[in-house]
Amino acid sequence: MRHYMQSIAGVFGLVVVWWLTTDGLRLVDATTLASPVAVAMSIVDLAVDSFAGDTLLGHSLASLTRWFAGVFLGCAIGVPLGVLMAWNRRVNAFVSPIFEVFRYIPPFAWVPLAILWFGTSLTSQAAVVAIAAIPPALLNAHKAISQLDSTMLSASAVLGASDARTLMKVAVPTAAPGVLAGVRLAFSNGWMALVGAELVGARSGLGYVISRAQANLSTEVVIAGMVTIAVIGVIVDIVLRKATDRLLGWTTTSQEQR
């Protein structure tokens, strides 16, 4: 409870400083930084009235759809590939050089190509999200498998388990905490990449709202979009954390039994 109260106090303090800077002491012009009151009113208006073709809820759902589609695709590629690279030296030797080249290309650099290939569609933004989600998913899966206790894997082989069975029944479940940590990072990376992609190549979504608001010099709408992005990101991360804790409850139980 103390931790939550301190967190709330920190957010409240930030809002107070923000208000003093704008409406309170008027240190900054409203066109440069809108006040928290103006932003709150803007969020209420956006929730009811259409802006850039849809309400705030509609734009949020569009962004969430692209986000989850892209992260699902990125994890579906990154996690198995990371596991196989850690498990099989030949796969690692073949994939590692290719991955090392592509991982240093920023996701935003793929936006022009994605638009050329798929247009300003859901597929275009989802592809950029997937590109951003693959590296953390792959690297964490690779690390989790690589750091497994070799004695445990050898014991499985001695007991007669095949290489594939050891991988699926022993290695992957044991490495699950590290793999799921990578999935959480994939969601985070994908969210940031999505908003950037929507700024330049979308006709809906929160990034598109910010882009249109900036063109209209509506600072309060820009910040309203930013606040919505932050709130959605925090909520999804909390849900993922709780879901991860439930999925990995058996690891806590086994540690307590030891």
C-alpha atoms as a PDB file:
ATOM      1  CA  MET A   1       0.000   0.000   0.000  1.00  0.00           C
ATOM      2  CA  ARG A   2       2.856   2.376   0.834  1.00  0.00           C
ATOM      3  CA  HIS A   3       4.399   1.721  -2.570  1.00  0.00           C
ATOM      4  CA  TYR A   4       1.125   2.537  -4.353  1.00  0.00           C
ATOM      5  CA  MET A   5       0.655   5.701  -2.311  1.00  0.00           C
ATOM      6  CA  GLN A   6       4.167   6.865  -3.184  1.00  0.00           C
ATOM      7  CA  SER A   7       3.517   6.196  -6.865  1.00  0.00           C
ATOM      8  CA  ILE A   8       0.260   8.154  -6.758  1.00  0.00           C
ATOM      9  CA  ALA A   9       2.023  10.999  -4.943  1.00  0.00           C
ATOM     10  CA  GLY A  10       4.694  11.106  -7.654  1.00  0.00           C
ATOM     11  CA  VAL A  11       2.113  11.350 -10.448  1.00  0.00           C
ATOM     12  CA  PHE A  12       0.128  13.962  -8.498  1.00  0.00           C
ATOM     13  CA  GLY A  13       3.278  16.018  -7.943  1.00  0.00           C
ATOM     14  CA  LEU A  14       4.057  15.940 -11.668  1.00  0.00           C
ATOM     15  CA  VAL A  15       0.537  17.165 -12.500  1.00  0.00           C
ATOM     16  CA  VAL A  16       0.836  19.970  -9.929  1.00  0.00           C
ATOM     17  CA  VAL A  17       4.145  21.154 -11.426  1.00  0.00           C
ATOM     18  CA  TRP A  18       2.593  20.922 -14.883  1.00  0.00           C
ATOM     19  CA  TRP A  19      -0.415  23.019 -13.777  1.00  0.00           C
ATOM     20  CA  LEU A  20       1.786  25.633 -12.092  1.00  0.00           C
ATOM     21  CA  THR A  21       3.895  25.927 -15.251  1.00  0.00           C
ATOM     22  CA  THR A  22       0.826  26.529 -17.430  1.00  0.00           C
ATOM     23  CA  ASP A  23      -2.374  27.820 -15.784  1.00  0.00           C
ATOM     24  CA  GLY A  24      -0.896  28.576 -12.374  1.00  0.00           C
ATOM     25  CA  LEU A  25       2.065  30.853 -13.093  1.00  0.00           C
ATOM     26  CA  ARG A  26       1.654  31.024 -16.885  1.00  0.00           C
ATOM     27  CA  LEU A  27       5.344  30.432 -17.481  1.00  0.00           C
ATOM     28  CA  VAL A  28       4.642  28.751 -20.812  1.00  0.00           C
ATOM     29  CA  ASP A  29       2.280  29.742 -23.586  1.00  0.00           C
ATOM     30  CA  ALA A  30      -0.729  27.459 -24.179  1.00  0.00           C
ATOM     31  CA  THR A  31       0.323  26.787 -27.780  1.00  0.00           C
ATOM     32  CA  THR A  32       3.653  25.454 -26.500  1.00  0.00           C
ATOM     33  CA  LEU A  33       2.352  23.367 -23.593  1.00  0.00           C
ATOM     34  CA  ALA A  34      -1.339  22.879 -22.881  1.00  0.00           C
ATOM     35  CA  SER A  35      -2.445  22.777 -19.251  1.00  0.00           C
ATOM     36  CA  PRO A  36      -3.601  19.536 -17.598  1.00  0.00           C
ATOM     37  CA  VAL A  37      -7.116  20.986 -17.380  1.00  0.00           C
ATOM     38  CA  ALA A  38      -7.196  21.637 -21.130  1.00  0.00           C
ATOM     39  CA  VAL A  39      -5.832  18.150 -21.828  1.00  0.00           C
ATOM     40  CA  ALA A  40      -8.440  16.527 -19.568  1.00  0.00           C
ATOM     41  CA  MET A  41     -11.223  18.436 -21.309  1.00  0.00           C
ATOM     42  CA  SER A  42      -9.768  17.428 -24.661  1.00  0.00           C
ATOM     43  CA  ILE A  43      -9.812  13.753 -23.669  1.00  0.00           C
ATOM     44  CA  VAL A  44     -13.476  14.067 -22.695  1.00  0.00           C
ATOM     45  CA  ASP A  45     -14.297  15.755 -26.020  1.00  0.00           C
ATOM     46  CA  LEU A  46     -12.343  13.149 -28.008  1.00  0.00           C
ATOM     47  CA  ALA A  47     -14.184  10.359 -26.212  1.00  0.00           C
ATOM     48  CA  VAL A  48     -17.520  11.746 -27.459  1.00  0.00           C
ATOM     49  CA  ASP A  49     -16.805  13.665 -30.660  1.00  0.00           C
ATOM     50  CA  SER A  50     -15.085  12.359 -33.772  1.00  0.00           C
ATOM     51  CA  PHE A  51     -11.567  13.597 -34.527  1.00  0.00           C
ATOM     52  CA  ALA A  52      -9.574  12.553 -37.601  1.00  0.00           C
ATOM     53  CA  GLY A  53     -12.351  10.186 -38.581  1.00  0.00           C
ATOM     54  CA  ASP A  54     -13.152   8.478 -35.266  1.00  0.00           C
ATOM     55  CA  THR A  55     -13.503   8.879 -31.516  1.00  0.00           C
ATOM     56  CA  LEU A  56     -10.647   8.325 -29.075  1.00  0.00           C
ATOM     57  CA  LEU A  57     -11.952   4.814 -28.370  1.00  0.00           C
ATOM     58  CA  GLY A  58     -12.051   3.977 -32.064  1.00  0.00           C
ATOM     59  CA  HIS A  59      -8.507   5.172 -32.630  1.00  0.00           C
ATOM     60  CA  SER A  60      -7.326   3.299 -29.523  1.00  0.00           C
ATOM     61  CA  LEU A  61      -8.921   0.054 -30.736  1.00  0.00           C
ATOM     62  CA  ALA A  62      -7.269   0.504 -34.149  1.00  0.00           C
ATOM     63  CA  SER A  63      -3.868   0.901 -32.503  1.00  0.00           C
ATOM     64  CA  LEU A  64      -4.458  -2.058 -30.174  1.00  0.00           C
ATOM     65  CA  THR A  65      -5.458  -4.297 -33.085  1.00  0.00           C
ATOM     66  CA  ARG A  66      -2.260  -3.475 -34.975  1.00  0.00           C
ATOM     67  CA  TRP A  67      -0.202  -3.796 -31.811  1.00  0.00           C
ATOM     68  CA  PHE A  68      -1.422  -7.239 -30.822  1.00  0.00           C
ATOM     69  CA  ALA A  69      -1.293  -8.537 -34.391  1.00  0.00           C
ATOM     70  CA  GLY A  70       2.282  -7.335 -34.827  1.00  0.00           C
ATOM     71  CA  VAL A  71       3.522  -8.575 -31.452  1.00  0.00           C
ATOM     72  CA  PHE A  72       1.885 -11.967 -32.009  1.00  0.00           C
ATOM     73  CA  LEU A  73       3.657 -12.289 -35.351  1.00  0.00           C
ATOM     74  CA  GLY A  74       6.960 -11.057 -33.925  1.00  0.00           C
ATOM     75  CA  CYS A  75       6.858 -13.465 -30.977  1.00  0.00           C
ATOM     76  CA  ALA A  76       5.722 -16.328 -33.202  1.00  0.00           C
ATOM     77  CA  ILE A  77       8.918 -15.790 -35.214  1.00  0.00           C
ATOM     78  CA  GLY A  78      11.335 -14.593 -32.515  1.00  0.00           C
ATOM     79  CA  VAL A  79      10.680 -17.045 -29.672  1.00  0.00           C
ATOM     80  CA  PRO A  80      10.980 -20.335 -31.648  1.00  0.00           C
ATOM     81  CA  LEU A  81      13.942 -18.972 -33.580  1.00  0.00           C
ATOM     82  CA  GLY A  82      15.720 -17.919 -30.389  1.00  0.00           C
ATOM     83  CA  VAL A  83      15.094 -21.320 -28.817  1.00  0.00           C
ATOM     84  CA  LEU A  84      16.378 -23.181 -31.875  1.00  0.00           C
ATOM     85  CA  MET A  85      19.453 -20.944 -32.160  1.00  0.00           C
ATOM     86  CA  ALA A  86      20.379 -21.706 -28.534  1.00  0.00           C
ATOM     87  CA  TRP A  87      19.619 -25.410 -28.917  1.00  0.00           C
ATOM     88  CA  ASN A  88      21.236 -26.147 -32.281  1.00  0.00           C
ATOM     89  CA  ARG A  89      24.665 -24.820 -33.282  1.00  0.00           C
ATOM     90  CA  ARG A  90      23.966 -25.177 -36.992  1.00  0.00           C
ATOM     91  CA  VAL A  91      20.808 -23.087 -36.774  1.00  0.00           C
ATOM     92  CA  ASN A  92      22.678 -20.504 -34.706  1.00  0.00           C
ATOM     93  CA  ALA A  93      25.562 -20.357 -37.212  1.00  0.00           C
ATOM     94  CA  PHE A  94      23.125 -19.865 -40.092  1.00  0.00           C
ATOM     95  CA  VAL A  95      20.709 -17.364 -38.517  1.00  0.00           C
ATOM     96  CA  SER A  96      22.984 -15.344 -36.233  1.00  0.00           C
ATOM     97  CA  PRO A  97      24.795 -13.299 -38.938  1.00  0.00           C
ATOM     98  CA  ILE A  98      21.506 -12.452 -40.650  1.00  0.00           C
ATOM     99  CA  PHE A  99      19.882 -11.458 -37.358  1.00  0.00           C
ATOM    100  CA  GLU A 100      22.858  -9.339 -36.301  1.00  0.00           C
ATOM    101  CA  VAL A 101      22.570  -7.333 -39.527  1.00  0.00           C
ATOM    102  CA  PHE A 102      18.827  -6.759 -39.310  1.00  0.00           C
ATOM    103  CA  ARG A 103      18.582  -6.070 -35.574  1.00  0.00           C
ATOM    104  CA  TYR A 104      20.480  -2.792 -35.915  1.00  0.00           C
ATOM    105  CA  ILE A 105      18.085  -1.399 -38.509  1.00  0.00           C
ATOM    106  CA  PRO A 106      15.599   0.772 -36.551  1.00  0.00           C
ATOM    107  CA  PRO A 107      11.944  -0.273 -36.968  1.00  0.00           C
ATOM    108  CA  PHE A 108      11.106   3.235 -38.234  1.00  0.00           C
ATOM    109  CA  ALA A 109      13.487   2.698 -41.160  1.00  0.00           C
ATOM    110  CA  TRP A 110      11.123  -0.050 -42.357  1.00  0.00           C
ATOM    111  CA  VAL A 111       8.089   2.271 -42.468  1.00  0.00           C
ATOM    112  CA  PRO A 112       8.646   3.503 -46.070  1.00  0.00           C
ATOM    113  CA  LEU A 113       9.085  -0.059 -47.330  1.00  0.00           C
ATOM    114  CA  ALA A 114       6.061  -1.267 -45.372  1.00  0.00           C
ATOM    115  CA  ILE A 115       3.949   1.485 -46.949  1.00  0.00           C
ATOM    116  CA  LEU A 116       5.257   0.606 -50.421  1.00  0.00           C
ATOM    117  CA  TRP A 117       4.469  -3.087 -49.898  1.00  0.00           C
ATOM    118  CA  PHE A 118       1.175  -2.927 -48.000  1.00  0.00           C
ATOM    119  CA  GLY A 119      -0.032   0.661 -48.300  1.00  0.00           C
ATOM    120  CA  THR A 120      -1.470   2.490 -45.296  1.00  0.00           C
ATOM    121  CA  SER A 121      -3.253  -0.627 -44.061  1.00  0.00           C
ATOM    122  CA  LEU A 122      -3.306  -2.575 -40.802  1.00  0.00           C
ATOM    123  CA  THR A 123      -0.787  -4.980 -42.323  1.00  0.00           C
ATOM    124  CA  SER A 124       1.717  -2.165 -42.853  1.00  0.00           C
ATOM    125  CA  GLN A 125       1.785  -1.028 -39.219  1.00  0.00           C
ATOM    126  CA  ALA A 126       1.580  -4.599 -37.895  1.00  0.00           C
ATOM    127  CA  ALA A 127       4.657  -5.494 -39.956  1.00  0.00           C
ATOM    128  CA  VAL A 128       6.626  -2.636 -38.365  1.00  0.00           C
ATOM    129  CA  VAL A 129       5.489  -3.783 -34.921  1.00  0.00           C
ATOM    130  CA  ALA A 130       6.577  -7.342 -35.696  1.00  0.00           C
ATOM    131  CA  ILE A 131      10.014  -6.125 -36.780  1.00  0.00           C
ATOM    132  CA  ALA A 132      10.353  -4.256 -33.467  1.00  0.00           C
ATOM    133  CA  ALA A 133       9.092  -7.230 -31.434  1.00  0.00           C
ATOM    134  CA  ILE A 134      11.356  -9.915 -32.905  1.00  0.00           C
ATOM    135  CA  PRO A 135      14.733  -8.868 -31.366  1.00  0.00           C
ATOM    136  CA  PRO A 136      13.709  -8.843 -27.665  1.00  0.00           C
ATOM    137  CA  ALA A 137      11.660 -12.020 -28.081  1.00  0.00           C
ATOM    138  CA  LEU A 138      14.503 -13.810 -29.845  1.00  0.00           C
ATOM    139  CA  LEU A 139      17.341 -12.594 -27.618  1.00  0.00           C
ATOM    140  CA  ASN A 140      15.564 -13.403 -24.348  1.00  0.00           C
ATOM    141  CA  ALA A 141      14.519 -16.853 -25.565  1.00  0.00           C
ATOM    142  CA  HIS A 142      18.084 -17.525 -26.706  1.00  0.00           C
ATOM    143  CA  LYS A 143      19.526 -16.372 -23.381  1.00  0.00           C
ATOM    144  CA  ALA A 144      17.006 -18.349 -21.326  1.00  0.00           C
ATOM    145  CA  ILE A 145      17.792 -21.611 -23.135  1.00  0.00           C
ATOM    146  CA  SER A 146      21.560 -20.979 -23.186  1.00  0.00           C
ATOM    147  CA  GLN A 147      21.712 -20.493 -19.413  1.00  0.00           C
ATOM    148  CA  LEU A 148      19.940 -23.739 -18.505  1.00  0.00           C
ATOM    149  CA  ASP A 149      21.739 -26.135 -16.179  1.00  0.00           C
ATOM    150  CA  SER A 150      23.541 -28.661 -18.387  1.00  0.00           C
ATOM    151  CA  THR A 151      23.301 -31.282 -15.604  1.00  0.00           C
ATOM    152  CA  MET A 152      19.510 -31.186 -15.794  1.00  0.00           C
ATOM    153  CA  LEU A 153      19.568 -31.638 -19.561  1.00  0.00           C
ATOM    154  CA  SER A 154      22.063 -34.489 -19.280  1.00  0.00           C
ATOM    155  CA  ALA A 155      19.874 -36.208 -16.673  1.00  0.00           C
ATOM    156  CA  SER A 156      16.940 -36.037 -19.062  1.00  0.00           C
ATOM    157  CA  ALA A 157      19.024 -37.672 -21.797  1.00  0.00           C
ATOM    158  CA  VAL A 158      20.236 -40.389 -19.390  1.00  0.00           C
ATOM    159  CA  LEU A 159      16.632 -41.192 -18.531  1.00  0.00           C
ATOM    160  CA  GLY A 160      15.999 -41.919 -22.195  1.00  0.00           C
ATOM    161  CA  ALA A 161      14.409 -38.712 -23.427  1.00  0.00           C
ATOM    162  CA  SER A 162      15.103 -37.792 -27.031  1.00  0.00           C
ATOM    163  CA  ASP A 163      16.651 -34.460 -27.946  1.00  0.00           C
ATOM    164  CA  ALA A 164      13.310 -33.075 -29.112  1.00  0.00           C
ATOM    165  CA  ARG A 165      11.498 -34.321 -25.994  1.00  0.00           C
ATOM    166  CA  THR A 166      14.160 -32.817 -23.722  1.00  0.00           C
ATOM    167  CA  LEU A 167      13.728 -29.512 -25.520  1.00  0.00           C
ATOM    168  CA  MET A 168       9.940 -29.434 -25.278  1.00  0.00           C
ATOM    169  CA  LYS A 169       9.412 -31.065 -21.879  1.00  0.00           C
ATOM    170  CA  VAL A 170      12.438 -29.828 -19.928  1.00  0.00           C
ATOM    171  CA  ALA A 171      14.250 -26.915 -21.570  1.00  0.00           C
ATOM    172  CA  VAL A 172      11.334 -24.757 -22.714  1.00  0.00           C
ATOM    173  CA  PRO A 173       9.263 -25.017 -19.489  1.00  0.00           C
ATOM    174  CA  THR A 174      12.342 -24.304 -17.362  1.00  0.00           C
ATOM    175  CA  ALA A 175      13.288 -21.323 -19.518  1.00  0.00           C
ATOM    176  CA  ALA A 176       9.731 -19.946 -19.480  1.00  0.00           C
ATOM    177  CA  PRO A 177      10.464 -16.992 -17.119  1.00  0.00           C
ATOM    178  CA  GLY A 178      13.149 -15.638 -19.441  1.00  0.00           C
ATOM    179  CA  VAL A 179      11.044 -16.267 -22.535  1.00  0.00           C
ATOM    180  CA  LEU A 180       8.028 -14.436 -21.079  1.00  0.00           C
ATOM    181  CA  ALA A 181      10.250 -11.537 -20.029  1.00  0.00           C
ATOM    182  CA  GLY A 182      11.177 -11.223 -23.691  1.00  0.00           C
ATOM    183  CA  VAL A 183       7.509 -11.240 -24.671  1.00  0.00           C
ATOM    184  CA  ARG A 184       6.857  -8.315 -22.313  1.00  0.00           C
ATOM    185  CA  LEU A 185       9.742  -6.411 -23.881  1.00  0.00           C
ATOM    186  CA  ALA A 186       8.372  -7.257 -27.310  1.00  0.00           C
ATOM    187  CA  PHE A 187       5.068  -5.639 -26.353  1.00  0.00           C
ATOM    188  CA  SER A 188       6.884  -2.519 -25.152  1.00  0.00           C
ATOM    189  CA  ASN A 189       9.059  -2.228 -28.264  1.00  0.00           C
ATOM    190  CA  GLY A 190       6.103  -2.926 -30.519  1.00  0.00           C
ATOM    191  CA  TRP A 191       3.959  -0.215 -28.922  1.00  0.00           C
ATOM    192  CA  MET A 192       6.615   2.446 -29.421  1.00  0.00           C
ATOM    193  CA  ALA A 193       7.238   1.340 -33.007  1.00  0.00           C
ATOM    194  CA  LEU A 194       3.506   1.328 -33.776  1.00  0.00           C
ATOM    195  CA  VAL A 195       2.949   4.904 -32.653  1.00  0.00           C
ATOM    196  CA  GLY A 196       5.917   6.030 -34.738  1.00  0.00           C
ATOM    197  CA  ALA A 197       4.575   4.161 -37.781  1.00  0.00           C
ATOM    198  CA  GLU A 198       1.114   5.675 -37.324  1.00  0.00           C
ATOM    199  CA  LEU A 199       2.579   9.168 -37.282  1.00  0.00           C
ATOM    200  CA  VAL A 200       3.566   8.885 -40.937  1.00  0.00           C
ATOM    201  CA  GLY A 201       1.706   5.961 -42.465  1.00  0.00           C
ATOM    202  CA  ALA A 202      -1.808   5.498 -41.106  1.00  0.00           C
ATOM    203  CA  ARG A 203      -5.339   6.817 -41.448  1.00  0.00           C
ATOM    204  CA  SER A 204      -6.402   5.901 -37.918  1.00  0.00           C
ATOM    205  CA  GLY A 205      -4.851   5.174 -34.544  1.00  0.00           C
ATOM    206  CA  LEU A 206      -3.376   7.245 -31.742  1.00  0.00           C
ATOM    207  CA  GLY A 207      -0.259   8.154 -33.696  1.00  0.00           C
ATOM    208  CA  TYR A 208      -2.477   9.462 -36.492  1.00  0.00           C
ATOM    209  CA  VAL A 209      -4.442  11.544 -33.962  1.00  0.00           C
ATOM    210  CA  ILE A 210      -1.208  13.151 -32.746  1.00  0.00           C
ATOM    211  CA  SER A 211      -0.082  13.809 -36.328  1.00  0.00           C
ATOM    212  CA  ARG A 212      -3.372  15.479 -37.280  1.00  0.00           C
ATOM    213  CA  ALA A 213      -3.453  17.491 -34.054  1.00  0.00           C
ATOM    214  CA  GLN A 214       0.087  18.743 -34.679  1.00  0.00           C
ATOM    215  CA  ALA A 215      -0.917  19.874 -38.168  1.00  0.00           C
ATOM    216  CA  ASN A 216      -3.863  21.759 -36.630  1.00  0.00           C
ATOM    217  CA  LEU A 217      -1.648  23.268 -33.882  1.00  0.00           C
ATOM    218  CA  SER A 218      -3.895  21.610 -31.270  1.00  0.00           C
ATOM    219  CA  THR A 219      -1.362  21.121 -28.480  1.00  0.00           C
ATOM    220  CA  GLU A 220      -3.978  19.855 -26.025  1.00  0.00           C
ATOM    221  CA  VAL A 221      -5.016  17.089 -28.456  1.00  0.00           C
ATOM    222  CA  VAL A 222      -1.374  16.131 -29.044  1.00  0.00           C
ATOM    223  CA  ILE A 223      -0.802  15.729 -25.307  1.00  0.00           C
ATOM    224  CA  ALA A 224      -4.180  13.973 -24.900  1.00  0.00           C
ATOM    225  CA  GLY A 225      -3.020  11.406 -27.439  1.00  0.00           C
ATOM    226  CA  MET A 226       0.311  11.022 -25.624  1.00  0.00           C
ATOM    227  CA  VAL A 227      -1.451  10.530 -22.280  1.00  0.00           C
ATOM    228  CA  THR A 228      -3.747   7.902 -23.819  1.00  0.00           C
ATOM    229  CA  ILE A 229      -0.746   6.076 -25.269  1.00  0.00           C
ATOM    230  CA  ALA A 230       0.966   6.051 -21.872  1.00  0.00           C
ATOM    231  CA  VAL A 231      -2.128   4.870 -19.991  1.00  0.00           C
ATOM    232  CA  ILE A 232      -2.811   2.034 -22.441  1.00  0.00           C
ATOM    233  CA  GLY A 233       0.831   0.956 -22.304  1.00  0.00           C
ATOM    234  CA  VAL A 234       0.832   0.870 -18.494  1.00  0.00           C
ATOM    235  CA  ILE A 235      -2.456  -1.057 -18.332  1.00  0.00           C
ATOM    236  CA  VAL A 236      -1.323  -3.683 -20.837  1.00  0.00           C
ATOM    237  CA  ASP A 237       2.021  -4.086 -19.050  1.00  0.00           C
ATOM    238  CA  ILE A 238       0.259  -4.599 -15.696  1.00  0.00           C
ATOM    239  CA  VAL A 239      -2.045  -7.204 -17.257  1.00  0.00           C
ATOM    240  CA  LEU A 240       0.933  -8.986 -18.815  1.00  0.00           C
ATOM    241  CA  ARG A 241       2.800  -8.928 -15.503  1.00  0.00           C
ATOM    242  CA  LYS A 242      -0.161 -10.412 -13.639  1.00  0.00           C
ATOM    243  CA  ALA A 243      -0.695 -13.045 -16.327  1.00  0.00           C
ATOM    244  CA  THR A 244       3.011 -13.942 -16.244  1.00  0.00           C
ATOM    245  CA  ASP A 245       2.906 -14.325 -12.450  1.00  0.00           C
ATOM    246  CA  ARG A 246      -0.055 -16.695 -12.740  1.00  0.00           C
ATOM    247  CA  LEU A 247       1.518 -18.716 -15.530  1.00  0.00           C
ATOM    248  CA  LEU A 248       4.776 -19.020 -13.598  1.00  0.00           C
ATOM    249  CA  GLY A 249       3.183 -19.762 -10.244  1.00  0.00           C
ATOM    250  CA  TRP A 250       4.616 -23.268 -10.376  1.00  0.00           C
ATOM    251  CA  THR A 251       8.168 -21.852 -10.327  1.00  0.00           C
ATOM    252  CA  THR A 252       7.492 -20.017  -7.070  1.00  0.00           C
ATOM    253  CA  THR A 253       5.957 -23.128  -5.569  1.00  0.00           C
ATOM    254  CA  SER A 254       8.924 -25.290  -6.548  1.00  0.00           C
ATOM    255  CA  GLN A 255      11.356 -22.763  -5.093  1.00  0.00           C
ATOM    256  CA  GLU A 256       9.416 -22.681  -1.797  1.00  0.00           C
ATOM    257  CA  GLN A 257       9.481 -26.485  -1.640  1.00  0.00           C
ATOM    258  CA  ARG A 258      13.262 -26.438  -2.014  1.00  0.00           C
END
